[in-house]
Amino acid sequence: MATAHSPSAASTRTGVVPRLPHELYEAIIAFVPSRADLLQLCLVNSLLHDIAVRYLYCHLRLKDFKRAIGACRLILKKPEVAGYITQLEADFGEVPDWIVHQWPKPKIFLHTFAPAYCRVMFRAFRLMGNLQHLTFKNTSPLGRLPAKNLALSGIASQPLLEDLEIHDGPSFSIPALQKSAIPTLRRLAAFHEDAKYLIPGRPVIQFRPLDTLLEEHVPGCLKILSQSTGPLRHLKLLMMRIDGLFFVRASAAIPDLVDLIIHSMENVEYTVSQELHMPDVLNAFQSFRALENLELHSYYDRPAAHYFPPIGPLGRACPTLRTFTIIDELRGDSERKRMPANQMWRDGRALTEGDMEWWPRVGFARTPPPRPGAQVALVEWTE
């Protein structure tokens, strides 16, 4: 007799699926990329329905406020669906200025963004206990609710949350979070004002601030990053300017960095050509215990290749440093250097400068194809 979990015991809707182990069906459906195909599988029979619906709702994208409310009403009617959701991207849509500032408010604004609808959404958020990735964008419609709702209902109720992105900020709701909330947070993208409440005491290993760090904000930001229990391994910054003092401070605050990417709003030619081989900076690079990749995006007066001879000592000061990338955002030129290498090779032959072609905003040096239409080969960097 077939058991309740066997394929032959599944109640048929439009047909009977072959007799296969449940784990095999699970593995097959996991590779179905199209949501339309998953919807079709839900209609085959109860067995495939139960498996396909988990993958159908695993990654939920809410692109505007109206769709968000519709999805949340479905979740409230079928709470078991909330347990399938592990990734949620909630984008509530921009509110046009003419609606925000017009008085009296038009019906579309009063009805669509009414607090009653927002409360429905937050009730659904509380049911999503298996969320691992959460993204909030364009949360201006939520501004009519008490400020604490976003934190207390949307974030604090997620014990398994590892990735958090808050693209609107700084948010006045984040300070309401308790220190025990989201204990498994690993990756964060937010304004640095929100980061001072989200990083300390949590195992954050990757941080990307969404605002530009002014020079006076750098010491405070590094102090916040040093309070991660991760420790912090990957950091991407947008800064007004970079100088040698930044690397001295960073090596003391976050010595376990592996990847450091910095976008500078000012020309950093002097920093690259002069300050990076000063004694204090070289001593600071000795304090980086695991730094492998350093990438600087800025505006330069000369080609990127001009700056590599002066920074050769960095490879000796930091033995773990593998690549140093300079990207000229103005011209779109980029050059990557393998540390402490001084020579590029391809097919066992040393390349000269004439062999190189710079590709914009990529950071990888490639050689031109030997003939039109041929495949472009990556440059091999050897020590």
Protein backbone atom coordinates (compact mmCIF):
# COMPACT_ATOMS: atom_id res chain seq x y z
CA MET A 1 0.00 0.00 0.00
CA ALA A 2 1.33 3.42 -0.86
CA THR A 3 2.08 5.72 2.03
CA ALA A 4 0.61 9.17 2.41
CA HIS A 5 3.87 10.73 1.27
CA SER A 6 4.46 8.57 -1.81
CA PRO A 7 3.84 10.05 -5.29
CA SER A 8 1.17 7.48 -6.06
CA ALA A 9 -0.84 8.63 -3.05
CA ALA A 10 -0.97 12.25 -4.18
CA SER A 11 -4.45 13.47 -5.06
CA THR A 12 -4.65 14.06 -8.78
CA ARG A 13 -5.79 17.32 -10.30
CA THR A 14 -4.93 16.94 -13.98
CA GLY A 15 -2.85 13.75 -14.03
CA VAL A 16 -0.57 11.37 -12.19
CA VAL A 17 3.16 11.97 -11.90
CA PRO A 18 5.63 9.06 -12.18
CA ARG A 19 6.59 7.17 -9.05
CA LEU A 20 9.82 8.88 -7.93
CA PRO A 21 11.35 9.63 -4.53
CA HIS A 22 10.15 12.86 -2.97
CA GLU A 23 13.74 14.15 -2.73
CA LEU A 24 14.18 13.78 -6.50
CA TYR A 25 11.10 15.89 -7.21
CA GLU A 26 12.49 18.46 -4.79
CA ALA A 27 15.82 18.57 -6.63
CA ILE A 28 14.17 18.84 -10.06
CA ILE A 29 11.84 21.70 -9.13
CA ALA A 30 14.69 23.57 -7.46
CA PHE A 31 16.23 24.07 -10.92
CA VAL A 32 13.07 25.54 -12.51
CA PRO A 33 13.97 29.22 -13.12
CA SER A 34 10.68 30.56 -14.50
CA ARG A 35 7.83 31.62 -12.23
CA ALA A 36 5.39 30.80 -15.03
CA ASP A 37 6.65 27.22 -15.11
CA LEU A 38 6.34 26.98 -11.33
CA LEU A 39 2.73 28.11 -11.60
CA GLN A 40 2.07 25.37 -14.15
CA LEU A 41 3.65 22.77 -11.86
CA CYS A 42 1.32 23.86 -9.08
CA LEU A 43 -1.60 22.69 -11.24
CA VAL A 44 -0.28 19.17 -11.93
CA ASN A 45 -1.18 17.46 -8.66
CA SER A 46 -1.00 17.99 -4.92
CA LEU A 47 2.53 16.61 -4.54
CA LEU A 48 4.10 18.95 -7.09
CA HIS A 49 1.90 21.77 -5.85
CA ASP A 50 3.28 21.51 -2.32
CA ILE A 51 6.87 21.58 -3.59
CA ALA A 52 6.48 24.20 -6.33
CA VAL A 53 4.62 26.66 -4.14
CA ARG A 54 7.58 26.83 -1.76
CA TYR A 55 9.90 27.88 -4.59
CA LEU A 56 7.25 30.16 -6.06
CA TYR A 57 7.12 32.26 -2.89
CA CYS A 58 10.74 31.77 -1.82
CA HIS A 59 11.81 35.07 -3.42
CA LEU A 60 9.00 37.63 -3.21
CA ARG A 61 9.28 40.97 -5.04
CA LEU A 62 6.76 43.68 -4.20
CA LYS A 63 7.21 46.40 -6.81
CA ASP A 64 4.62 48.92 -5.67
CA PHE A 65 2.35 49.60 -2.74
CA LYS A 66 -0.79 48.19 -4.40
CA ARG A 67 0.86 44.84 -5.16
CA ALA A 68 2.36 44.76 -1.69
CA ILE A 69 -1.08 45.01 -0.12
CA GLY A 70 -2.42 42.26 -2.39
CA ALA A 71 0.41 39.90 -1.48
CA CYS A 72 0.07 40.65 2.23
CA ARG A 73 -3.67 39.95 2.17
CA LEU A 74 -2.92 36.57 0.58
CA ILE A 75 -0.36 35.83 3.30
CA LEU A 76 -2.86 36.71 6.04
CA LYS A 77 -5.41 34.33 4.49
CA LYS A 78 -2.82 31.55 4.09
CA PRO A 79 -0.25 31.92 6.88
CA GLU A 80 1.65 28.83 5.73
CA VAL A 81 2.79 30.79 2.65
CA ALA A 82 4.68 33.23 4.90
CA GLY A 83 6.93 30.39 6.05
CA TYR A 84 8.11 29.80 2.47
CA ILE A 85 9.43 33.35 2.00
CA THR A 86 13.18 33.66 2.57
CA GLN A 87 13.86 36.75 0.40
CA LEU A 88 11.67 39.84 0.32
CA GLU A 89 12.26 42.94 -1.81
CA ALA A 90 9.67 45.56 -0.95
CA ASP A 91 9.60 48.63 -3.22
CA PHE A 92 6.56 50.77 -2.48
CA GLY A 93 7.03 53.14 -5.40
CA GLU A 94 7.87 56.79 -5.50
CA VAL A 95 5.17 59.23 -4.41
CA PRO A 96 5.09 62.14 -6.91
CA ASP A 97 5.80 65.54 -5.42
CA TRP A 98 2.56 66.95 -6.76
CA ILE A 99 0.67 64.40 -4.65
CA VAL A 100 2.72 64.91 -1.50
CA HIS A 101 2.44 68.71 -1.50
CA GLN A 102 -1.05 69.10 -2.93
CA TRP A 103 -3.87 69.99 -0.57
CA PRO A 104 -6.48 68.69 -0.24
CA LYS A 105 -4.93 65.31 -0.90
CA PRO A 106 -6.32 63.43 -3.91
CA LYS A 107 -8.20 60.18 -3.31
CA ILE A 108 -5.44 58.06 -4.84
CA PHE A 109 -3.09 59.17 -2.07
CA LEU A 110 -5.57 58.93 0.80
CA HIS A 111 -6.86 55.49 -0.20
CA THR A 112 -3.69 53.79 -1.43
CA PHE A 113 -1.45 54.91 1.42
CA ALA A 114 -3.99 54.74 4.22
CA PRO A 115 -2.60 53.57 7.58
CA ALA A 116 -5.10 50.70 7.61
CA TYR A 117 -3.43 49.19 4.54
CA CYS A 118 0.00 49.69 6.08
CA ARG A 119 -1.08 47.82 9.19
CA VAL A 120 -2.14 44.88 7.00
CA MET A 121 1.35 44.85 5.52
CA PHE A 122 3.09 44.89 8.90
CA ARG A 123 0.88 42.07 10.17
CA ALA A 124 2.03 39.98 7.21
CA PHE A 125 5.68 40.85 7.90
CA ARG A 126 5.38 39.45 11.40
CA LEU A 127 4.34 36.08 9.95
CA MET A 128 7.47 35.80 7.77
CA GLY A 129 9.60 34.07 10.37
CA ASN A 130 12.06 32.52 7.90
CA LEU A 131 13.24 35.68 6.14
CA GLN A 132 16.96 35.73 5.41
CA HIS A 133 17.16 38.68 3.00
CA LEU A 134 15.08 41.86 3.35
CA THR A 135 15.20 44.97 1.16
CA PHE A 136 13.19 48.17 1.72
CA LYS A 137 12.97 50.84 -1.00
CA ASN A 138 10.84 53.97 -1.37
CA THR A 139 9.22 53.72 2.05
CA SER A 140 7.81 57.26 1.94
CA PRO A 141 4.19 55.98 1.96
CA LEU A 142 4.91 54.45 5.36
CA GLY A 143 5.68 57.85 6.84
CA ARG A 144 2.08 58.31 7.96
CA LEU A 145 2.46 55.48 10.45
CA PRO A 146 4.25 55.75 13.81
CA ALA A 147 7.98 55.70 13.19
CA LYS A 148 8.55 52.56 15.24
CA ASN A 149 6.38 50.31 13.07
CA LEU A 150 9.03 49.72 10.42
CA ALA A 151 11.54 48.52 12.98
CA LEU A 152 9.26 46.68 15.39
CA SER A 153 7.05 44.94 12.81
CA GLY A 154 9.23 44.69 9.73
CA ILE A 155 12.69 43.96 11.12
CA ALA A 156 12.64 43.00 14.79
CA SER A 157 10.36 40.03 14.13
CA GLN A 158 12.94 38.33 11.87
CA PRO A 159 15.20 36.03 13.95
CA LEU A 160 16.94 34.48 10.90
CA LEU A 161 17.61 37.68 8.94
CA GLU A 162 21.15 37.76 7.46
CA ASP A 163 20.94 40.39 4.68
CA LEU A 164 19.33 43.77 5.25
CA GLU A 165 19.12 46.70 2.83
CA ILE A 166 17.37 49.94 3.78
CA HIS A 167 17.63 52.31 0.82
CA ASP A 168 15.69 55.17 2.42
CA GLY A 169 17.26 56.92 5.31
CA PRO A 170 18.43 57.72 7.72
CA SER A 171 15.38 56.08 9.25
CA PHE A 172 14.03 57.40 12.52
CA SER A 173 12.57 53.97 13.27
CA ILE A 174 15.88 52.09 13.49
CA PRO A 175 16.85 53.45 16.96
CA ALA A 176 13.74 51.70 18.31
CA LEU A 177 15.31 48.30 17.62
CA GLN A 178 16.37 46.32 20.65
CA LYS A 179 19.97 45.15 20.78
CA SER A 180 18.78 41.54 20.81
CA ALA A 181 16.92 41.94 17.49
CA ILE A 182 18.20 40.34 14.24
CA PRO A 183 21.05 38.48 16.00
CA THR A 184 22.23 36.74 12.78
CA LEU A 185 22.71 39.88 10.64
CA ARG A 186 25.70 39.32 8.34
CA ARG A 187 25.39 41.77 5.44
CA LEU A 188 24.11 45.34 5.65
CA ALA A 189 23.48 48.15 3.18
CA ALA A 190 22.17 51.28 4.87
CA PHE A 191 22.93 54.88 5.73
CA HIS A 192 25.77 55.20 8.20
CA GLU A 193 23.41 56.87 10.69
CA ASP A 194 21.37 53.65 10.73
CA ALA A 195 24.53 51.53 10.86
CA LYS A 196 25.42 52.81 14.32
CA TYR A 197 22.30 51.04 15.63
CA LEU A 198 22.52 47.94 13.43
CA ILE A 199 26.20 46.94 13.49
CA PRO A 200 27.40 47.03 17.14
CA GLY A 201 27.04 43.63 18.80
CA ARG A 202 25.98 41.84 15.61
CA PRO A 203 28.12 39.52 13.41
CA VAL A 204 28.18 41.84 10.38
CA ILE A 205 30.89 40.81 7.90
CA GLN A 206 29.89 43.02 4.96
CA PHE A 207 28.82 46.67 4.96
CA ARG A 208 27.95 49.11 2.19
CA PRO A 209 26.89 52.62 3.26
CA LEU A 210 24.39 54.26 0.94
CA ASP A 211 25.47 57.83 1.63
CA THR A 212 28.71 59.75 1.11
CA LEU A 213 31.05 59.87 4.09
CA LEU A 214 32.34 63.35 4.80
CA GLU A 215 35.81 63.69 6.24
CA GLU A 216 34.50 64.43 9.73
CA HIS A 217 32.32 61.30 9.67
CA VAL A 218 35.14 58.85 8.94
CA PRO A 219 36.45 58.34 12.53
CA GLY A 220 32.94 57.75 13.86
CA CYS A 221 32.08 55.35 11.04
CA LEU A 222 35.24 53.29 11.59
CA LYS A 223 34.49 53.13 15.32
CA ILE A 224 31.04 51.72 14.52
CA LEU A 225 32.50 49.14 12.14
CA SER A 226 35.00 48.02 14.77
CA GLN A 227 32.09 47.00 17.04
CA SER A 228 30.95 44.24 14.69
CA THR A 229 31.41 40.75 16.15
CA GLY A 230 31.80 39.32 12.62
CA PRO A 231 34.51 40.54 12.26
CA LEU A 232 34.00 42.86 9.28
CA ARG A 233 35.54 41.36 6.13
CA HIS A 234 34.10 43.27 3.15
CA LEU A 235 33.67 47.05 2.98
CA LYS A 236 32.57 49.36 0.17
CA LEU A 237 32.69 53.10 0.87
CA LEU A 238 31.70 56.28 -0.94
CA MET A 239 33.90 59.02 0.50
CA MET A 240 34.41 62.69 -0.20
CA ARG A 241 38.18 62.25 -0.16
CA ILE A 242 40.82 59.63 0.67
CA ASP A 243 44.15 60.27 2.32
CA GLY A 244 46.85 58.20 3.98
CA LEU A 245 45.36 58.85 7.42
CA PHE A 246 42.27 56.85 6.45
CA PHE A 247 44.33 53.67 6.00
CA VAL A 248 46.07 54.28 9.33
CA ARG A 249 42.70 54.52 11.08
CA ALA A 250 41.15 51.63 9.14
CA SER A 251 43.99 49.22 9.93
CA ALA A 252 43.54 49.92 13.64
CA ALA A 253 39.72 49.69 13.65
CA ILE A 254 39.04 46.85 11.19
CA PRO A 255 42.28 44.85 10.72
CA ASP A 256 40.48 41.71 9.46
CA LEU A 257 39.30 43.28 6.19
CA VAL A 258 39.61 41.10 3.08
CA ASP A 259 38.10 43.41 0.43
CA LEU A 260 38.19 47.20 0.56
CA ILE A 261 36.53 49.21 -2.23
CA ILE A 262 36.53 53.01 -2.05
CA HIS A 263 34.85 55.49 -4.38
CA SER A 264 36.24 59.00 -3.91
CA MET A 265 34.55 62.22 -4.97
CA GLU A 266 37.88 64.06 -5.17
CA ASN A 267 41.05 63.47 -7.14
CA VAL A 268 43.31 61.11 -5.16
CA GLU A 269 46.39 61.34 -7.36
CA TYR A 270 48.53 62.65 -4.50
CA THR A 271 47.26 59.93 -2.15
CA VAL A 272 48.16 57.17 -4.60
CA SER A 273 51.46 58.55 -5.83
CA GLN A 274 52.80 59.95 -2.55
CA GLU A 275 50.97 59.03 0.67
CA LEU A 276 50.63 55.28 0.07
CA HIS A 277 54.36 54.73 0.45
CA MET A 278 54.90 56.97 3.48
CA PRO A 279 56.29 55.13 6.56
CA ASP A 280 53.14 55.60 8.66
CA VAL A 281 50.91 54.21 5.92
CA LEU A 282 53.22 51.26 5.23
CA ASN A 283 53.26 50.44 8.94
CA ALA A 284 49.46 50.60 8.92
CA PHE A 285 49.26 48.09 6.06
CA GLN A 286 51.31 45.68 8.16
CA SER A 287 48.39 45.66 10.61
CA PHE A 288 45.95 44.33 8.01
CA ARG A 289 45.87 40.61 8.75
CA ALA A 290 43.87 39.36 5.75
CA LEU A 291 43.57 42.18 3.19
CA GLU A 292 43.58 40.68 -0.32
CA ASN A 293 41.91 43.22 -2.59
CA LEU A 294 42.14 47.02 -2.56
CA GLU A 295 40.21 49.01 -5.15
CA LEU A 296 40.20 52.80 -5.60
CA HIS A 297 37.69 54.59 -7.85
CA SER A 298 38.41 58.26 -8.48
CA TYR A 299 39.60 60.83 -11.00
CA TYR A 300 43.23 60.89 -12.09
CA ASP A 301 45.29 63.31 -14.14
CA ARG A 302 47.46 60.60 -15.69
CA PRO A 303 46.91 57.00 -16.84
CA ALA A 304 46.48 54.50 -14.02
CA ALA A 305 49.66 52.65 -15.00
CA HIS A 306 51.71 55.68 -13.90
CA TYR A 307 50.94 55.05 -10.22
CA PHE A 308 52.01 51.44 -9.84
CA PRO A 309 55.79 51.84 -9.41
CA PRO A 310 55.46 54.04 -6.25
CA ILE A 311 53.09 51.60 -4.51
CA GLY A 312 55.26 48.52 -4.91
CA PRO A 313 56.20 48.64 -1.18
CA LEU A 314 52.56 47.91 -0.28
CA GLY A 315 53.01 44.33 -1.41
CA ARG A 316 55.95 43.91 0.93
CA ALA A 317 54.22 45.67 3.83
CA CYS A 318 51.05 43.56 3.48
CA PRO A 319 51.95 40.01 2.34
CA THR A 320 48.29 38.99 1.95
CA LEU A 321 47.55 41.76 -0.59
CA ARG A 322 46.91 40.11 -3.95
CA THR A 323 45.38 42.83 -6.15
CA PHE A 324 45.44 46.61 -6.19
CA THR A 325 43.00 48.16 -8.67
CA ILE A 326 42.87 51.77 -9.81
CA ILE A 327 39.81 52.84 -11.80
CA ASP A 328 39.61 56.25 -13.44
CA GLU A 329 35.91 57.11 -13.43
CA LEU A 330 36.47 60.12 -15.70
CA ARG A 331 38.05 58.26 -18.61
CA GLY A 332 36.73 54.81 -17.76
CA ASP A 333 40.26 53.37 -17.62
CA SER A 334 41.19 50.66 -15.16
CA GLU A 335 44.26 48.73 -14.24
CA ARG A 336 44.73 45.84 -11.87
CA LYS A 337 48.04 44.94 -10.29
CA ARG A 338 48.88 41.65 -8.66
CA MET A 339 51.00 42.29 -5.58
CA PRO A 340 53.95 42.00 -5.33
CA ALA A 341 54.21 41.18 -9.04
CA ASN A 342 55.82 43.60 -11.46
CA GLN A 343 55.13 41.76 -14.70
CA MET A 344 52.12 40.48 -16.61
CA TRP A 345 52.21 37.23 -18.53
CA ARG A 346 50.06 35.54 -21.14
CA ASP A 347 50.76 32.21 -22.78
CA GLY A 348 54.18 32.12 -21.15
CA ARG A 349 55.16 35.49 -22.63
CA ALA A 350 55.72 38.74 -20.76
CA LEU A 351 53.37 41.46 -21.93
CA THR A 352 54.46 44.99 -22.71
CA GLU A 353 52.35 48.09 -22.25
CA GLY A 354 51.42 48.06 -25.92
CA ASP A 355 49.72 44.69 -25.48
CA MET A 356 47.19 46.04 -23.00
CA GLU A 357 43.71 47.40 -23.55
CA TRP A 358 41.77 49.15 -20.79
CA TRP A 359 38.12 48.29 -20.39
CA PRO A 360 35.89 50.87 -18.64
CA ARG A 361 34.65 50.22 -15.09
CA VAL A 362 35.68 46.57 -15.05
CA GLY A 363 38.97 46.53 -13.22
CA PHE A 364 40.45 43.71 -15.28
CA ALA A 365 43.20 44.20 -17.83
CA ARG A 366 42.59 42.28 -21.04
CA THR A 367 44.71 41.79 -24.12
CA PRO A 368 43.29 42.71 -27.52
CA PRO A 369 42.23 39.75 -29.69
CA PRO A 370 44.81 38.58 -32.26
CA ARG A 371 42.25 39.09 -35.05
CA PRO A 372 38.79 40.67 -35.31
CA GLY A 373 36.09 38.50 -33.81
CA ALA A 374 38.47 36.31 -31.83
CA GLN A 375 37.85 35.70 -28.15
CA VAL A 376 39.49 38.17 -25.77
CA ALA A 377 41.76 36.44 -23.26
CA LEU A 378 42.23 37.52 -19.66
CA VAL A 379 45.68 38.63 -18.63
CA GLU A 380 47.28 36.18 -16.21
CA TRP A 381 48.95 37.88 -13.25
CA THR A 382 51.91 35.93 -11.90
CA GLU A 383 54.27 36.54 -9.02
